[in-house]
Amino acid sequence: MATLIIGIDLGTTTTVVSRLNEAGRPEVIMNWENQPFTHSALHFTKDNPKQPVIGSTAREVAGVEEGAFKEYKRDMGTERVYHAHGEKYTPTELSALMLRKQREHIENTFGQKVDMVVITTPANFPSEARAATVAAATSAGFPSPITTMDEPTAAALYYADSEPVPLNGYYLIYDFGGGTLDVTVLHAKGKDIQVKYSMGVAQLGGKDFDERLRGLVANKFKEKTGSVLDVMDTTFNDFEAEKVKHRLTASDRADFKIMSMQHGQVSLSVTRSEFEEEVSALITQAEFCLEGALDKANLKMSDIKGVYMAGGTSKIPCVQNSVERLTSLKPKVRNPEQAISLGSALYAAVKLGTRKPAALTSEQMGNVGPIKVQDVAPYFIGTLTARTVRGEVAIFNSILIPKGQALPADVTKRYFIQKDGVKSLRVDVTSSYHETEDREEVVMLADTNMALGPDAKENDPIEVTFVVNENGQFEGTFKDVKTGKVEVIKLLLSPDIGTPPDIDDFLV
């Protein structure tokens, strides 16, 4: 029986599933509605609040009916709760339901269990969101170990595998999806991919373009009827706005009708130029991201040999025009909504082949054998420490693992107790997307106390070991060298900016 190797792009707006076939090529698996993607939406009805409808039907009522949810991926790793007819769901639980539905469909289609899965995440997903993704996949019944992969890296792998001429040089992957933007700078030589730096915007994607379009349509509706556009009065919801956006991607003008209980049928028209003016600020934000990624990678535009785009938002003409204007390169847009899933299926085969070489056919091994992927730390990781400045002790953020360091990344650093008699030490882990010593600018990933021995003295050593593993997740320990006690760091459920307590509790 052939091995079932799966890659999943668990997207904000759509989920795409691929497998590596027996010939060693990645291919998309059609879903239960015979579509190459599934809307990442769930609808819990009043009659059945625990078994959701998943897919296109749920997408049509999401944001309108109680218990219909979409875009929960933006809340992964947080304590956000979604309410449905007396039931409560976390973003992780919603993702697990989506993934379980996908797993059951895959296994029913092929008549066997999944052997290996890789699930993609945005390149700038924080550690807690990555951990939540792994937890969702585990809850959904996928086999361990669950491997995650950054979405732009997966897209790069797909392009490297499918280009007629082998890649050789520095490239940009411009991943503009439904919920997030990631721009990744990498070096590729054939299928050997080394990520140099990724920069992203966590709250910038197709959803935000849809919101700007809804605002534009609302203004036109008011001009024509004198009334505010109300989703309770009309049929124009998020789903309808998205359809207008897709029409403007294909043509210069979209004519459509809105049914209003108050005004009857209202005919409206939006031009592409009007839409582009409305989203211009979003385009500017994306351009800053592209330029910043190149700057952090210490490269110039002239160093880039090609630009590859992924994600549904990358199909919008003004997005492509923006990239071409900045880079002087015409971006390649091939299977933008499937590239990430297809690339992750290739990587799933690589990971399985490393663990169980006999699990791959000779054809599969022949295609994925040359693949090498080197990803990087998606954020800065540090700890809060005390330092004397001009005679006064102050707290600073001390970075231990910089953003952009090759994964897996680990560091052990020795600090010292400040004074005799300290009974415990503050165990802190900080995270940030920019380099900073300012404790007010970091997110606290962990905030606990480690008990010390009764004879703790000033300048006793404490060893701090921080790790960012291949999945981009944080792991760490604090060790009291004198006693040998090791404290495994537990991450906060809801990371936030924290205010440190007594200054004597910190390392120096």
Protein backbone atom coordinates (compact mmCIF):
# COMPACT_ATOMS: atom_id res chain seq x y z
CA MET A 1 0.00 0.00 0.00
CA ALA A 2 1.34 3.44 -0.95
CA THR A 3 2.32 5.86 1.78
CA LEU A 4 -0.13 8.73 2.35
CA ILE A 5 1.93 11.93 2.57
CA ILE A 6 -0.05 15.12 3.15
CA GLY A 7 0.59 18.87 3.13
CA ILE A 8 -2.05 21.29 4.43
CA ASP A 9 -2.27 25.04 3.94
CA LEU A 10 -4.52 25.89 6.90
CA GLY A 11 -5.40 29.35 5.67
CA THR A 12 -7.36 32.22 7.15
CA THR A 13 -9.95 32.15 4.38
CA THR A 14 -9.37 28.79 2.66
CA THR A 15 -7.76 25.46 3.50
CA VAL A 16 -5.99 23.51 0.74
CA VAL A 17 -4.85 19.89 1.06
CA SER A 18 -2.27 18.16 -1.15
CA ARG A 19 -0.54 14.81 -1.25
CA LEU A 20 2.65 13.51 -2.80
CA ASN A 21 1.59 10.94 -5.39
CA GLU A 22 3.36 7.70 -6.20
CA ALA A 23 5.34 9.39 -8.98
CA GLY A 24 6.80 11.85 -6.48
CA ARG A 25 4.73 14.84 -7.64
CA PRO A 26 2.54 16.98 -5.37
CA GLU A 27 -1.14 17.21 -6.28
CA VAL A 28 -4.16 18.90 -4.75
CA ILE A 29 -6.85 16.68 -3.20
CA MET A 30 -10.38 17.73 -4.09
CA ASN A 31 -12.58 18.19 -1.01
CA TRP A 32 -15.97 16.60 -0.25
CA GLU A 33 -17.66 19.24 -2.44
CA ASN A 34 -15.26 18.36 -5.30
CA GLN A 35 -13.51 21.71 -4.88
CA PRO A 36 -9.71 22.25 -4.75
CA PHE A 37 -10.08 24.21 -1.51
CA THR A 38 -12.35 24.45 1.52
CA HIS A 39 -13.57 27.74 2.94
CA SER A 40 -12.11 27.93 6.45
CA ALA A 41 -15.53 28.55 7.96
CA LEU A 42 -17.67 26.62 10.41
CA HIS A 43 -21.37 26.97 11.20
CA PHE A 44 -22.83 25.54 14.39
CA THR A 45 -26.61 25.48 14.09
CA LYS A 46 -29.04 25.75 16.99
CA ASP A 47 -30.21 22.19 16.37
CA ASN A 48 -26.67 20.80 16.32
CA PRO A 49 -24.30 23.13 18.23
CA LYS A 50 -21.47 20.58 18.50
CA GLN A 51 -21.21 19.27 14.92
CA PRO A 52 -20.54 22.17 12.56
CA VAL A 53 -21.20 22.50 8.87
CA ILE A 54 -17.79 23.18 7.30
CA GLY A 55 -17.00 24.88 4.00
CA SER A 56 -18.86 27.02 1.47
CA THR A 57 -22.28 26.90 3.16
CA ALA A 58 -20.75 28.07 6.43
CA ARG A 59 -18.80 30.80 4.60
CA GLU A 60 -22.00 32.29 3.17
CA VAL A 61 -23.50 32.90 6.61
CA ALA A 62 -20.32 33.65 8.58
CA GLY A 63 -20.61 37.04 10.20
CA VAL A 64 -24.39 37.02 9.75
CA GLU A 65 -25.82 34.08 11.67
CA GLU A 66 -25.03 33.07 15.23
CA GLY A 67 -22.52 30.24 15.46
CA ALA A 68 -20.96 30.87 12.03
CA PHE A 69 -17.24 31.66 12.23
CA LYS A 70 -14.39 32.50 9.88
CA GLU A 71 -10.93 34.06 10.18
CA TYR A 72 -10.40 32.45 13.59
CA LYS A 73 -6.84 31.70 12.50
CA ARG A 74 -5.96 35.30 13.33
CA ASP A 75 -6.68 34.47 16.98
CA MET A 76 -4.62 31.26 17.19
CA GLY A 77 -2.63 31.09 20.41
CA THR A 78 -4.88 33.53 22.26
CA GLU A 79 -7.65 33.04 24.82
CA ARG A 80 -10.32 34.35 22.44
CA VAL A 81 -13.59 32.44 22.84
CA TYR A 82 -16.25 31.97 20.17
CA HIS A 83 -19.83 31.43 21.37
CA ALA A 84 -22.34 29.22 19.55
CA HIS A 85 -25.76 28.51 21.03
CA GLY A 86 -24.46 28.03 24.57
CA GLU A 87 -21.26 26.26 23.52
CA LYS A 88 -17.78 27.80 23.64
CA TYR A 89 -14.91 27.22 21.23
CA THR A 90 -11.32 28.43 21.17
CA PRO A 91 -9.51 29.16 17.89
CA THR A 92 -7.50 25.98 18.45
CA GLU A 93 -10.69 23.93 18.80
CA LEU A 94 -12.17 25.44 15.64
CA SER A 95 -8.97 24.65 13.75
CA ALA A 96 -9.02 21.11 15.12
CA LEU A 97 -12.56 20.60 13.82
CA MET A 98 -11.50 21.85 10.39
CA LEU A 99 -8.45 19.59 10.37
CA ARG A 100 -10.41 16.57 11.61
CA LYS A 101 -12.88 16.99 8.75
CA GLN A 102 -9.96 17.13 6.32
CA ARG A 103 -8.28 14.05 7.80
CA GLU A 104 -11.48 12.01 7.68
CA HIS A 105 -12.06 13.03 4.05
CA ILE A 106 -8.48 12.16 3.06
CA GLU A 107 -8.58 8.77 4.73
CA ASN A 108 -12.02 7.94 3.30
CA THR A 109 -10.86 8.95 -0.18
CA PHE A 110 -7.69 6.85 -0.16
CA GLY A 111 -8.85 4.09 2.16
CA GLN A 112 -5.90 4.34 4.52
CA LYS A 113 -4.46 6.34 7.40
CA VAL A 114 -2.30 9.43 6.90
CA ASP A 115 1.38 8.56 7.39
CA MET A 116 2.85 12.06 7.51
CA VAL A 117 1.49 15.58 7.56
CA VAL A 118 3.02 19.05 7.34
CA ILE A 119 0.83 22.02 8.22
CA THR A 120 1.84 25.53 7.20
CA THR A 121 1.75 28.69 9.30
CA PRO A 122 2.48 32.34 8.50
CA ALA A 123 6.21 33.08 8.65
CA ASN A 124 5.68 35.60 11.44
CA PHE A 125 3.31 33.45 13.51
CA PRO A 126 4.34 33.74 17.19
CA SER A 127 5.40 30.71 19.21
CA GLU A 128 2.06 30.33 20.99
CA ALA A 129 0.16 30.34 17.65
CA ARG A 130 2.51 27.69 16.25
CA ALA A 131 2.02 25.58 19.37
CA ALA A 132 -1.76 25.99 18.98
CA THR A 133 -1.53 24.77 15.37
CA VAL A 134 0.32 21.64 16.46
CA ALA A 135 -2.22 21.09 19.25
CA ALA A 136 -5.09 21.41 16.76
CA ALA A 137 -3.52 18.89 14.38
CA THR A 138 -2.88 16.46 17.24
CA SER A 139 -6.46 16.82 18.45
CA ALA A 140 -7.66 16.21 14.90
CA GLY A 141 -5.99 12.80 14.91
CA PHE A 142 -3.02 13.39 12.62
CA PRO A 143 0.04 11.25 13.40
CA SER A 144 2.89 12.60 15.50
CA PRO A 145 5.30 14.22 15.23
CA ILE A 146 3.35 17.12 13.76
CA THR A 147 5.59 19.28 11.59
CA THR A 148 4.82 22.88 10.70
CA MET A 149 6.38 24.90 7.91
CA ASP A 150 6.35 28.61 7.13
CA GLU A 151 3.97 29.40 4.29
CA PRO A 152 6.43 31.40 2.13
CA THR A 153 9.04 28.64 2.48
CA ALA A 154 6.49 26.06 1.31
CA ALA A 155 5.64 28.26 -1.68
CA ALA A 156 9.35 28.61 -2.47
CA LEU A 157 9.72 24.83 -2.41
CA TYR A 158 6.82 24.45 -4.85
CA TYR A 159 8.33 26.98 -7.25
CA ALA A 160 11.82 25.44 -6.93
CA ASP A 161 10.33 22.03 -7.74
CA SER A 162 8.23 23.18 -10.70
CA GLU A 163 10.43 25.75 -12.46
CA PRO A 164 11.82 24.47 -15.79
CA VAL A 165 15.17 26.13 -15.08
CA PRO A 166 16.73 25.46 -11.63
CA LEU A 167 16.75 28.44 -9.29
CA ASN A 168 20.15 29.96 -8.57
CA GLY A 169 20.46 33.13 -6.51
CA TYR A 170 18.43 35.36 -4.21
CA TYR A 171 14.64 35.44 -4.55
CA LEU A 172 11.63 37.05 -2.94
CA ILE A 173 8.55 35.10 -1.91
CA TYR A 174 5.62 37.46 -1.61
CA ASP A 175 2.89 35.62 0.29
CA PHE A 176 -0.29 37.71 0.48
CA GLY A 177 -3.10 35.57 1.83
CA GLY A 178 -6.54 36.14 3.26
CA GLY A 179 -5.33 37.16 6.70
CA THR A 180 -1.60 37.84 6.64
CA LEU A 181 1.26 39.18 4.52
CA ASP A 182 4.74 37.65 4.64
CA VAL A 183 7.69 38.68 2.50
CA THR A 184 10.57 36.21 2.62
CA VAL A 185 14.06 36.70 1.22
CA LEU A 186 15.88 33.46 0.44
CA HIS A 187 18.78 31.96 -1.45
CA ALA A 188 18.03 28.99 -3.67
CA LYS A 189 20.28 26.69 -5.62
CA GLY A 190 18.07 24.14 -7.27
CA LYS A 191 15.97 22.66 -4.47
CA ASP A 192 18.37 23.79 -1.75
CA ILE A 193 16.50 26.67 -0.07
CA GLN A 194 18.01 28.87 2.63
CA VAL A 195 15.76 31.52 4.11
CA LYS A 196 17.60 34.75 4.97
CA TYR A 197 14.85 36.85 6.52
CA SER A 198 11.07 37.13 6.71
CA MET A 199 9.05 40.20 7.53
CA GLY A 200 5.30 40.22 7.82
CA VAL A 201 2.15 42.00 8.87
CA ALA A 202 -0.08 39.77 11.00
CA GLN A 203 -3.26 41.73 10.35
CA LEU A 204 -3.03 42.49 6.64
CA GLY A 205 -4.66 40.33 4.00
CA GLY A 206 -7.64 39.79 1.75
CA LYS A 207 -9.96 40.36 4.72
CA ASP A 208 -8.73 43.95 4.97
CA PHE A 209 -9.20 44.52 1.23
CA ASP A 210 -12.76 43.21 1.62
CA GLU A 211 -13.41 45.67 4.44
CA ARG A 212 -12.22 48.60 2.33
CA LEU A 213 -14.43 47.43 -0.52
CA ARG A 214 -17.44 47.16 1.79
CA GLY A 215 -16.82 50.74 2.89
CA LEU A 216 -16.70 51.89 -0.73
CA VAL A 217 -19.93 50.05 -1.55
CA ALA A 218 -21.59 51.44 1.58
CA ASN A 219 -20.79 54.99 0.46
CA LYS A 220 -22.22 54.34 -3.00
CA PHE A 221 -25.33 52.75 -1.48
CA LYS A 222 -25.90 55.78 0.75
CA GLU A 223 -25.38 58.20 -2.15
CA LYS A 224 -28.03 56.36 -4.15
CA THR A 225 -30.59 55.58 -1.43
CA GLY A 226 -29.84 58.01 1.39
CA SER A 227 -29.69 55.04 3.79
CA VAL A 228 -26.86 53.33 5.62
CA LEU A 229 -25.93 49.92 4.19
CA ASP A 230 -27.15 47.45 6.81
CA VAL A 231 -26.55 43.71 6.51
CA MET A 232 -29.89 43.11 8.24
CA ASP A 233 -31.65 45.12 5.52
CA THR A 234 -29.68 43.90 2.52
CA THR A 235 -28.09 40.78 1.09
CA PHE A 236 -24.66 42.42 0.91
CA ASN A 237 -22.49 40.61 3.45
CA ASP A 238 -18.79 39.65 3.63
CA PHE A 239 -19.28 36.87 1.11
CA GLU A 240 -20.86 39.21 -1.46
CA ALA A 241 -18.08 41.78 -0.99
CA GLU A 242 -15.50 39.08 -1.66
CA LYS A 243 -17.26 38.14 -4.90
CA VAL A 244 -17.16 41.77 -6.09
CA LYS A 245 -13.43 41.88 -5.28
CA HIS A 246 -12.84 38.76 -7.37
CA ARG A 247 -14.70 40.32 -10.30
CA LEU A 248 -12.52 43.43 -10.07
CA THR A 249 -9.47 41.19 -10.24
CA ALA A 250 -10.63 39.88 -13.60
CA SER A 251 -12.14 43.07 -15.09
CA ASP A 252 -12.00 46.86 -14.83
CA ARG A 253 -15.55 47.21 -13.58
CA ALA A 254 -18.04 45.27 -11.46
CA ASP A 255 -21.78 45.88 -11.84
CA PHE A 256 -24.00 44.22 -9.25
CA LYS A 257 -27.34 44.47 -7.49
CA ILE A 258 -28.10 44.63 -3.80
CA MET A 259 -31.49 43.50 -2.54
CA SER A 260 -32.80 45.84 0.14
CA MET A 261 -35.98 45.30 2.16
CA GLN A 262 -36.38 49.07 2.34
CA HIS A 263 -35.38 50.09 -1.20
CA GLY A 264 -35.88 46.97 -3.29
CA GLN A 265 -33.23 46.15 -5.89
CA VAL A 266 -30.38 48.69 -5.87
CA SER A 267 -27.99 48.65 -8.85
CA LEU A 268 -24.40 49.69 -8.10
CA SER A 269 -21.08 49.77 -9.90
CA VAL A 270 -17.47 49.83 -8.68
CA THR A 271 -14.47 50.38 -10.94
CA ARG A 272 -11.07 48.86 -10.42
CA SER A 273 -9.50 52.31 -10.14
CA GLU A 274 -11.93 53.24 -7.35
CA PHE A 275 -11.09 50.05 -5.50
CA GLU A 276 -7.35 50.59 -5.97
CA GLU A 277 -7.58 54.09 -4.52
CA GLU A 278 -9.51 52.72 -1.55
CA VAL A 279 -6.81 50.11 -0.78
CA SER A 280 -3.79 52.30 -1.55
CA ALA A 281 -2.83 52.60 2.13
CA LEU A 282 -2.80 48.81 2.42
CA ILE A 283 -0.56 48.57 -0.64
CA THR A 284 1.82 51.12 0.90
CA GLN A 285 1.97 49.06 4.09
CA ALA A 286 2.84 45.99 2.05
CA GLU A 287 5.57 47.89 0.19
CA PHE A 288 7.20 48.89 3.49
CA CYS A 289 7.22 45.21 4.43
CA LEU A 290 8.97 44.21 1.20
CA GLU A 291 11.60 46.92 1.52
CA GLY A 292 12.15 46.07 5.19
CA ALA A 293 12.70 42.38 4.48
CA LEU A 294 15.39 43.21 1.91
CA ASP A 295 17.04 45.68 4.26
CA LYS A 296 17.20 43.16 7.11
CA ALA A 297 18.65 40.56 4.73
CA ASN A 298 21.36 43.11 3.79
CA LEU A 299 20.43 42.92 0.13
CA LYS A 300 19.54 45.44 -2.59
CA MET A 301 16.73 45.18 -5.12
CA SER A 302 19.34 44.52 -7.79
CA ASP A 303 20.46 41.39 -5.93
CA ILE A 304 17.08 39.72 -6.44
CA LYS A 305 16.80 37.41 -9.45
CA GLY A 306 13.07 36.72 -9.23
CA VAL A 307 9.86 37.30 -7.31
CA TYR A 308 7.32 34.54 -6.69
CA MET A 309 3.87 35.21 -5.33
CA ALA A 310 1.52 33.08 -3.27
CA GLY A 311 -1.84 33.58 -1.59
CA GLY A 312 -5.15 34.66 -3.10
CA THR A 313 -4.55 38.39 -2.52
CA SER A 314 -1.48 38.22 -4.78
CA LYS A 315 -3.86 37.86 -7.76
CA ILE A 316 -5.10 41.46 -7.34
CA PRO A 317 -3.59 43.53 -10.20
CA CYS A 318 -2.55 46.51 -8.07
CA VAL A 319 -0.68 44.17 -5.70
CA GLN A 320 1.28 42.68 -8.61
CA ASN A 321 1.89 46.14 -10.08
CA SER A 322 3.24 47.35 -6.73
CA VAL A 323 5.74 44.49 -6.54
CA GLU A 324 6.87 45.01 -10.13
CA ARG A 325 7.29 48.75 -9.58
CA LEU A 326 9.47 48.20 -6.49
CA THR A 327 11.62 45.36 -7.80
CA SER A 328 11.68 46.07 -11.55
CA LEU A 329 10.88 42.37 -11.93
CA LYS A 330 7.64 40.90 -13.23
CA PRO A 331 6.46 38.60 -10.45
CA LYS A 332 5.60 35.02 -11.23
CA VAL A 333 2.11 34.03 -10.11
CA ARG A 334 1.49 30.34 -10.66
CA ASN A 335 -1.13 28.46 -8.66
CA PRO A 336 -0.99 31.15 -5.95
CA GLU A 337 -3.81 29.58 -3.93
CA GLN A 338 -2.31 26.08 -4.11
CA ALA A 339 1.45 26.69 -4.10
CA ILE A 340 1.77 26.60 -0.31
CA SER A 341 -0.10 23.33 0.10
CA LEU A 342 1.79 21.71 -2.80
CA GLY A 343 5.13 22.77 -1.35
CA SER A 344 4.22 21.46 2.10
CA ALA A 345 3.41 18.03 0.60
CA LEU A 346 6.93 17.92 -0.83
CA TYR A 347 8.37 18.82 2.56
CA ALA A 348 6.23 16.16 4.28
CA ALA A 349 7.90 13.58 2.05
CA VAL A 350 11.33 14.96 2.96
CA LYS A 351 10.57 14.66 6.68
CA LEU A 352 9.13 11.15 6.33
CA GLY A 353 12.05 10.06 4.17
CA THR A 354 14.48 11.24 6.84
CA ARG A 355 12.75 9.15 9.51
CA LYS A 356 11.71 6.17 7.37
CA PRO A 357 13.54 6.05 4.02
CA ALA A 358 11.81 2.79 3.08
CA ALA A 359 8.43 4.57 3.25
CA LEU A 360 9.11 6.40 -0.03
CA THR A 361 9.02 4.92 -3.52
CA SER A 362 12.10 5.30 -5.69
CA GLU A 363 10.23 7.89 -7.76
CA GLN A 364 9.30 9.87 -4.64
CA MET A 365 12.83 9.70 -3.29
CA GLY A 366 14.21 10.73 -6.67
CA ASN A 367 12.19 13.95 -6.63
CA VAL A 368 12.42 14.95 -2.97
CA GLY A 369 15.91 13.60 -2.26
CA PRO A 370 17.68 16.80 -3.44
CA ILE A 371 15.42 19.04 -1.30
CA LYS A 372 17.08 20.93 1.53
CA VAL A 373 15.28 23.60 3.54
CA GLN A 374 16.84 25.96 6.06
CA ASP A 375 14.33 28.19 7.82
CA VAL A 376 15.03 30.93 10.35
CA ALA A 377 13.78 32.14 13.73
CA PRO A 378 10.58 34.15 13.16
CA TYR A 379 11.06 36.51 16.13
CA PHE A 380 13.56 37.79 18.70
CA ILE A 381 13.66 35.78 21.93
CA GLY A 382 15.11 37.22 25.11
CA THR A 383 14.85 37.53 28.88
CA LEU A 384 14.58 40.45 31.29
CA THR A 385 17.76 41.23 33.21
CA ALA A 386 18.97 43.89 35.63
CA ARG A 387 21.77 46.29 34.76
CA THR A 388 23.36 49.22 36.59
CA VAL A 389 23.15 52.44 34.60
CA ARG A 390 24.59 55.65 36.07
CA GLY A 391 24.48 54.20 39.56
CA GLU A 392 20.91 52.91 39.37
CA VAL A 393 19.67 49.39 38.65
CA ALA A 394 17.23 49.11 35.74
CA ILE A 395 15.54 46.28 33.85
CA PHE A 396 16.38 45.63 30.20
CA ASN A 397 15.41 43.10 27.58
CA SER A 398 18.39 40.90 26.77
CA ILE A 399 18.10 39.17 23.38
CA LEU A 400 19.36 35.60 23.28
CA ILE A 401 18.11 34.38 19.89
CA PRO A 402 17.81 36.99 17.13
CA LYS A 403 15.13 36.93 14.46
CA GLY A 404 16.63 35.46 11.31
CA GLN A 405 18.93 32.94 13.02
CA ALA A 406 18.98 29.53 11.34
CA LEU A 407 16.68 26.89 12.88
CA PRO A 408 16.88 24.98 15.08
CA ALA A 409 18.47 27.75 17.15
CA ASP A 410 19.68 27.34 20.71
CA VAL A 411 21.76 29.35 23.14
CA THR A 412 22.90 28.90 26.73
CA LYS A 413 23.96 31.98 28.64
CA ARG A 414 25.13 32.40 32.21
CA TYR A 415 23.70 35.08 34.47
CA PHE A 416 24.20 35.77 38.18
CA ILE A 417 22.05 36.30 41.28
CA GLN A 418 22.03 39.94 42.40
CA LYS A 419 22.36 39.56 46.20
CA ASP A 420 22.42 37.15 49.15
CA GLY A 421 19.20 35.73 50.50
CA VAL A 422 17.11 35.88 47.33
CA LYS A 423 14.54 33.09 47.66
CA SER A 424 13.38 32.97 44.04
CA LEU A 425 14.14 34.32 40.62
CA ARG A 426 11.82 35.71 38.01
CA VAL A 427 11.70 33.36 35.00
CA ASP A 428 10.96 35.52 31.97
CA VAL A 429 10.86 34.91 28.26
CA THR A 430 10.30 37.83 25.92
CA SER A 431 9.41 37.98 22.27
CA SER A 432 9.44 40.80 19.75
CA TYR A 433 9.55 41.32 16.00
CA HIS A 434 12.16 44.08 16.24
CA GLU A 435 15.38 44.31 18.20
CA THR A 436 14.85 46.21 21.43
CA GLU A 437 16.14 46.46 25.00
CA ASP A 438 13.01 48.29 26.14
CA ARG A 439 10.94 46.03 28.39
CA GLU A 440 7.80 47.98 27.49
CA GLU A 441 8.09 46.96 23.84
CA VAL A 442 8.23 43.18 24.25
CA VAL A 443 5.61 40.49 24.69
CA MET A 444 6.00 38.24 27.72
CA LEU A 445 5.90 34.58 26.66
CA ALA A 446 6.62 33.29 30.17
CA ASP A 447 6.34 34.86 33.61
CA THR A 448 6.99 32.49 36.53
CA ASN A 449 9.24 32.22 39.58
CA MET A 450 12.00 29.68 40.16
CA ALA A 451 12.66 28.78 43.81
CA LEU A 452 16.34 28.92 44.83
CA GLY A 453 18.20 26.95 47.48
CA PRO A 454 18.35 28.32 51.06
CA ASP A 455 22.00 29.32 50.72
CA ALA A 456 21.73 31.29 47.48
CA LYS A 457 24.44 33.93 47.36
CA GLU A 458 25.25 36.99 45.32
CA ASN A 459 26.91 36.08 42.01
CA ASP A 460 25.76 32.45 42.12
CA PRO A 461 25.41 31.39 38.46
CA ILE A 462 22.13 30.68 36.68
CA GLU A 463 22.22 29.11 33.23
CA VAL A 464 19.51 30.09 30.77
CA THR A 465 18.93 27.83 27.76
CA PHE A 466 16.56 29.00 25.05
CA VAL A 467 15.65 26.99 21.96
CA VAL A 468 13.55 27.76 18.88
CA ASN A 469 12.92 24.38 17.28
CA GLU A 470 12.38 23.51 13.61
CA ASN A 471 8.67 24.31 13.97
CA GLY A 472 9.53 27.83 15.14
CA GLN A 473 8.29 27.04 18.65
CA PHE A 474 10.05 28.20 21.79
CA GLU A 475 11.42 25.78 24.39
CA GLY A 476 13.58 26.70 27.35
CA THR A 477 15.00 26.01 30.80
CA PHE A 478 16.55 27.92 33.69
CA LYS A 479 19.19 26.02 35.71
CA ASP A 480 20.45 26.82 39.21
CA VAL A 481 24.06 25.74 38.71
CA LYS A 482 24.76 25.40 42.45
CA THR A 483 21.88 23.01 43.18
CA GLY A 484 21.48 21.52 39.72
CA LYS A 485 17.76 22.34 39.76
CA VAL A 486 16.27 22.86 36.30
CA GLU A 487 13.06 24.82 35.70
CA VAL A 488 11.27 23.99 32.45
CA ILE A 489 9.70 27.18 31.21
CA LYS A 490 5.94 27.10 30.70
CA LEU A 491 4.52 29.62 28.28
CA LEU A 492 1.67 31.92 29.20
CA LEU A 493 -1.70 31.02 27.71
CA SER A 494 -2.28 34.63 26.73
CA PRO A 495 1.04 36.43 26.17
CA ASP A 496 0.93 40.13 26.85
CA ILE A 497 3.12 43.10 27.67
CA GLY A 498 4.02 42.73 31.34
CA THR A 499 5.19 45.00 34.16
CA PRO A 500 8.05 43.44 36.15
CA PRO A 501 7.91 43.23 39.98
CA ASP A 502 10.73 43.74 42.51
CA ILE A 503 13.96 44.52 40.73
CA ASP A 504 15.98 42.23 43.05
CA ASP A 505 14.26 39.19 41.53
CA PHE A 506 16.02 39.60 38.19
CA LEU A 507 19.23 38.16 36.77
CA VAL A 508 22.27 40.31 36.08
